[in-house]
Amino acid sequence: MPDLPQFALYVAAAFVLAVTPGPGIFYVAARTLAGGRAEGVASSIGTGLGGMVHVLAGSLGVSAIVLASAELFTVLKLIGAGYLVWLGLRTIQSARQAAATGPDGRSAVPAIGPRRAFREGVLVEALNPKTAAFFLAFIPQFVSPAAGHVALQFVVLGFVSVALNTLADIVVAFAASGIRDGAAARPALIRRLREASGAAMIALGIGLSLAKRPAT
């Protein structure tokens, strides 16, 4: 493992990156506004697990292979982007169906539920090649080859980063839930929030589709 000062520097840098608004935070906020706190927290944990997929893959060199191949990077990128756009379109459709059911804004279409939100969170993050690029660019700077067990160091440092990201996402889920609960008596506002959350997912998908393969 890196020495204590180096590890403390890594934790500080990972914390700053975790609280900086990015695609993960916006995705969790969008999911919370669409389905409530339970779905937001579940999606946070799901994206955390999806992030660990990249950490483990990076430690084994799989991510490096994917990033070295323009074709593999493009395929993974487009699958992830398409999935996000599909989720966004479905969220907007669900919001409009809910508004059409009556003045209370309630819908016969059920929320997707925490379990499904968890699974979607895993897929959204695991299919994001930019996450692989981030870990491969960031973590190696703090790995100490002289300490040995390089793969294990990569996993431990990656886990710390993922844990901080997940905690930040959960805080965002609670904050977004408060906004959603405050709008409970205003069905029209709920519809607009859900439509906005769907649009945010679509925007994230489009952004991911435009991601360029890192230079190798």
Protein backbone atom coordinates (compact mmCIF):
# COMPACT_ATOMS: atom_id res chain seq x y z
CA MET A 1 0.00 0.00 0.00
CA PRO A 2 1.09 3.64 -0.43
CA ASP A 3 2.54 5.30 2.66
CA LEU A 4 0.17 7.20 4.95
CA PRO A 5 0.73 10.72 3.52
CA GLN A 6 0.23 9.42 -0.02
CA PHE A 7 -2.89 7.52 0.99
CA ALA A 8 -4.27 10.61 2.78
CA LEU A 9 -3.66 12.64 -0.38
CA TYR A 10 -5.51 10.02 -2.42
CA VAL A 11 -8.51 10.05 -0.05
CA ALA A 12 -8.64 13.85 -0.18
CA ALA A 13 -8.51 13.86 -3.98
CA ALA A 14 -11.11 11.09 -4.23
CA PHE A 15 -13.40 13.00 -1.85
CA VAL A 16 -13.20 16.18 -3.93
CA LEU A 17 -13.97 14.20 -7.07
CA ALA A 18 -16.86 12.40 -5.34
CA VAL A 19 -18.64 15.61 -4.35
CA THR A 20 -18.06 17.30 -7.70
CA PRO A 21 -21.29 17.10 -9.73
CA GLY A 22 -20.95 14.63 -12.56
CA PRO A 23 -22.98 12.06 -14.52
CA GLY A 24 -23.36 9.71 -11.53
CA ILE A 25 -24.78 12.39 -9.26
CA PHE A 26 -27.15 13.66 -11.95
CA TYR A 27 -28.32 10.13 -12.71
CA VAL A 28 -29.11 9.42 -9.03
CA ALA A 29 -30.91 12.76 -8.70
CA ALA A 30 -32.95 11.99 -11.81
CA ARG A 31 -33.87 8.52 -10.56
CA THR A 32 -34.89 9.92 -7.14
CA LEU A 33 -37.09 12.61 -8.67
CA ALA A 34 -38.72 9.97 -10.83
CA GLY A 35 -39.30 7.27 -8.20
CA GLY A 36 -38.55 8.55 -4.72
CA ARG A 37 -35.86 8.14 -2.06
CA ALA A 38 -35.82 4.34 -1.97
CA GLU A 39 -35.17 4.13 -5.70
CA GLY A 40 -32.52 6.86 -5.47
CA VAL A 41 -30.62 5.08 -2.69
CA ALA A 42 -30.94 1.74 -4.48
CA SER A 43 -29.60 3.24 -7.70
CA SER A 44 -26.72 4.78 -5.70
CA ILE A 45 -25.73 1.38 -4.38
CA GLY A 46 -26.18 -0.08 -7.86
CA THR A 47 -23.88 2.48 -9.48
CA GLY A 48 -21.38 1.77 -6.71
CA LEU A 49 -21.40 -1.92 -7.56
CA GLY A 50 -21.12 -1.06 -11.24
CA GLY A 51 -18.08 1.05 -10.40
CA MET A 52 -16.48 -1.91 -8.63
CA VAL A 53 -16.85 -3.88 -11.87
CA HIS A 54 -14.46 -1.39 -13.47
CA VAL A 55 -12.14 -1.48 -10.47
CA LEU A 56 -11.85 -5.26 -10.60
CA ALA A 57 -11.52 -5.23 -14.38
CA GLY A 58 -8.85 -2.56 -14.16
CA SER A 59 -6.88 -4.58 -11.64
CA LEU A 60 -6.89 -7.50 -14.06
CA GLY A 61 -6.04 -5.40 -17.09
CA VAL A 62 -9.38 -5.95 -18.84
CA SER A 63 -10.25 -2.26 -18.89
CA ALA A 64 -6.90 -1.48 -20.47
CA ILE A 65 -7.66 -3.95 -23.26
CA VAL A 66 -11.08 -2.37 -23.88
CA LEU A 67 -9.64 1.15 -23.92
CA ALA A 68 -6.88 0.05 -26.30
CA SER A 69 -9.47 -1.13 -28.85
CA ALA A 70 -11.46 1.60 -30.59
CA GLU A 71 -14.07 -0.96 -31.66
CA LEU A 72 -14.65 -2.39 -28.19
CA PHE A 73 -14.76 1.08 -26.64
CA THR A 74 -17.32 2.26 -29.20
CA VAL A 75 -19.55 -0.80 -28.72
CA LEU A 76 -19.56 -0.47 -24.92
CA LYS A 77 -20.08 3.28 -25.13
CA LEU A 78 -23.08 3.02 -27.47
CA ILE A 79 -24.71 0.24 -25.42
CA GLY A 80 -24.45 2.33 -22.26
CA ALA A 81 -25.63 5.50 -24.01
CA GLY A 82 -28.58 3.73 -25.59
CA TYR A 83 -29.59 2.25 -22.25
CA LEU A 84 -29.60 5.69 -20.60
CA VAL A 85 -31.65 7.23 -23.42
CA TRP A 86 -34.15 4.37 -23.17
CA LEU A 87 -34.50 4.89 -19.41
CA GLY A 88 -35.06 8.61 -19.96
CA LEU A 89 -37.73 8.08 -22.59
CA ARG A 90 -39.50 5.56 -20.39
CA THR A 91 -39.43 7.97 -17.44
CA ILE A 92 -40.99 10.77 -19.52
CA GLN A 93 -43.65 8.41 -20.85
CA SER A 94 -44.47 7.23 -17.33
CA ALA A 95 -44.80 10.84 -16.12
CA ARG A 96 -47.26 11.64 -18.88
CA GLN A 97 -49.27 8.49 -18.26
CA ALA A 98 -49.48 9.41 -14.57
CA ALA A 99 -50.76 12.90 -15.39
CA ALA A 100 -53.44 11.42 -17.63
CA THR A 101 -54.94 9.26 -14.89
CA GLY A 102 -56.53 12.04 -12.90
CA PRO A 103 -56.05 15.30 -10.99
CA ASP A 104 -54.12 13.61 -8.18
CA GLY A 105 -51.34 12.69 -10.58
CA ARG A 106 -51.34 9.05 -9.50
CA SER A 107 -50.82 6.39 -12.09
CA ALA A 108 -51.70 2.78 -12.55
CA VAL A 109 -48.16 2.37 -13.83
CA PRO A 110 -46.16 1.34 -10.73
CA ALA A 111 -42.77 2.77 -9.82
CA ILE A 112 -39.95 0.51 -10.88
CA GLY A 113 -39.08 -0.21 -7.24
CA PRO A 114 -35.74 -0.31 -5.42
CA ARG A 115 -34.69 -3.72 -6.77
CA ARG A 116 -35.07 -2.69 -10.38
CA ALA A 117 -33.49 0.70 -9.67
CA PHE A 118 -30.52 -1.18 -8.17
CA ARG A 119 -30.15 -3.38 -11.24
CA GLU A 120 -30.41 -0.42 -13.58
CA GLY A 121 -27.80 1.45 -11.55
CA VAL A 122 -25.38 -1.45 -11.89
CA LEU A 123 -25.90 -1.61 -15.66
CA VAL A 124 -25.66 2.15 -16.21
CA GLU A 125 -22.28 2.34 -14.44
CA ALA A 126 -20.87 -0.97 -15.63
CA LEU A 127 -21.60 0.00 -19.26
CA ASN A 128 -19.88 3.37 -18.93
CA PRO A 129 -16.38 3.20 -20.47
CA LYS A 130 -15.58 6.66 -19.11
CA THR A 131 -15.58 5.13 -15.63
CA ALA A 132 -12.94 2.64 -16.78
CA ALA A 133 -10.91 5.48 -18.27
CA PHE A 134 -11.14 7.45 -15.02
CA PHE A 135 -9.93 4.63 -12.81
CA LEU A 136 -7.06 3.74 -15.15
CA ALA A 137 -5.96 7.38 -15.27
CA PHE A 138 -6.42 8.26 -11.60
CA ILE A 139 -5.61 5.27 -9.41
CA PRO A 140 -2.19 4.28 -10.85
CA GLN A 141 -0.81 7.65 -9.76
CA PHE A 142 -1.14 6.49 -6.15
CA VAL A 143 -0.06 2.86 -6.54
CA SER A 144 3.37 2.05 -5.13
CA PRO A 145 5.08 -0.67 -7.20
CA ALA A 146 7.79 -0.94 -4.54
CA ALA A 147 5.16 -2.04 -2.01
CA GLY A 148 4.20 -5.02 -4.18
CA HIS A 149 0.73 -6.49 -4.78
CA VAL A 150 -0.08 -3.84 -7.37
CA ALA A 151 -3.42 -5.41 -8.31
CA LEU A 152 -4.49 -5.49 -4.66
CA GLN A 153 -3.49 -1.86 -4.19
CA PHE A 154 -5.57 -0.95 -7.25
CA VAL A 155 -8.61 -2.74 -5.82
CA VAL A 156 -8.29 -1.15 -2.36
CA LEU A 157 -7.84 2.37 -3.74
CA GLY A 158 -10.67 1.81 -6.20
CA PHE A 159 -12.95 0.63 -3.41
CA VAL A 160 -12.22 3.81 -1.42
CA SER A 161 -13.13 5.95 -4.41
CA VAL A 162 -16.31 3.98 -5.12
CA ALA A 163 -17.35 4.15 -1.44
CA LEU A 164 -16.95 7.94 -1.39
CA ASN A 165 -18.86 8.28 -4.65
CA THR A 166 -21.67 6.10 -3.30
CA LEU A 167 -21.94 8.11 -0.08
CA ALA A 168 -22.11 11.34 -2.09
CA ASP A 169 -24.81 9.84 -4.31
CA ILE A 170 -26.86 8.77 -1.29
CA VAL A 171 -26.70 12.31 0.10
CA VAL A 172 -27.93 13.57 -3.27
CA ALA A 173 -30.75 11.00 -3.21
CA PHE A 174 -31.95 12.30 0.18
CA ALA A 175 -31.75 15.92 -1.01
CA ALA A 176 -33.63 15.18 -4.23
CA SER A 177 -36.20 13.22 -2.24
CA GLY A 178 -36.84 16.28 -0.09
CA ILE A 179 -37.50 18.34 -3.21
CA ARG A 180 -39.85 15.66 -4.53
CA ASP A 181 -41.74 15.32 -1.23
CA GLY A 182 -42.16 19.08 -1.02
CA ALA A 183 -43.91 18.98 -4.38
CA ALA A 184 -46.28 16.14 -3.41
CA ALA A 185 -49.29 18.46 -3.20
CA ARG A 186 -48.61 19.83 -6.70
CA PRO A 187 -49.14 17.04 -9.27
CA ALA A 188 -48.26 19.29 -12.20
CA LEU A 189 -44.91 20.07 -10.60
CA ILE A 190 -44.27 16.36 -9.98
CA ARG A 191 -44.92 15.67 -13.64
CA ARG A 192 -42.48 18.39 -14.69
CA LEU A 193 -39.85 17.06 -12.27
CA ARG A 194 -40.24 13.53 -13.60
CA GLU A 195 -40.08 14.76 -17.20
CA ALA A 196 -36.98 16.79 -16.33
CA SER A 197 -35.38 13.73 -14.74
CA GLY A 198 -36.08 11.75 -17.91
CA ALA A 199 -34.58 14.53 -20.03
CA ALA A 200 -31.51 14.50 -17.77
CA MET A 201 -31.04 10.76 -18.37
CA ILE A 202 -31.35 11.30 -22.13
CA ALA A 203 -28.79 14.10 -21.97
CA LEU A 204 -26.40 11.85 -20.03
CA GLY A 205 -26.83 9.16 -22.66
CA ILE A 206 -26.10 11.61 -25.47
CA GLY A 207 -23.05 12.86 -23.59
CA LEU A 208 -21.78 9.33 -23.16
CA SER A 209 -22.29 8.59 -26.87
CA LEU A 210 -20.00 11.54 -27.67
CA ALA A 211 -17.23 10.39 -25.33
CA LYS A 212 -13.91 9.95 -27.07
CA ARG A 213 -11.57 7.04 -26.46
CA PRO A 214 -8.67 8.21 -24.26
CA ALA A 215 -5.35 8.48 -26.02
CA THR A 216 -3.11 5.49 -25.40
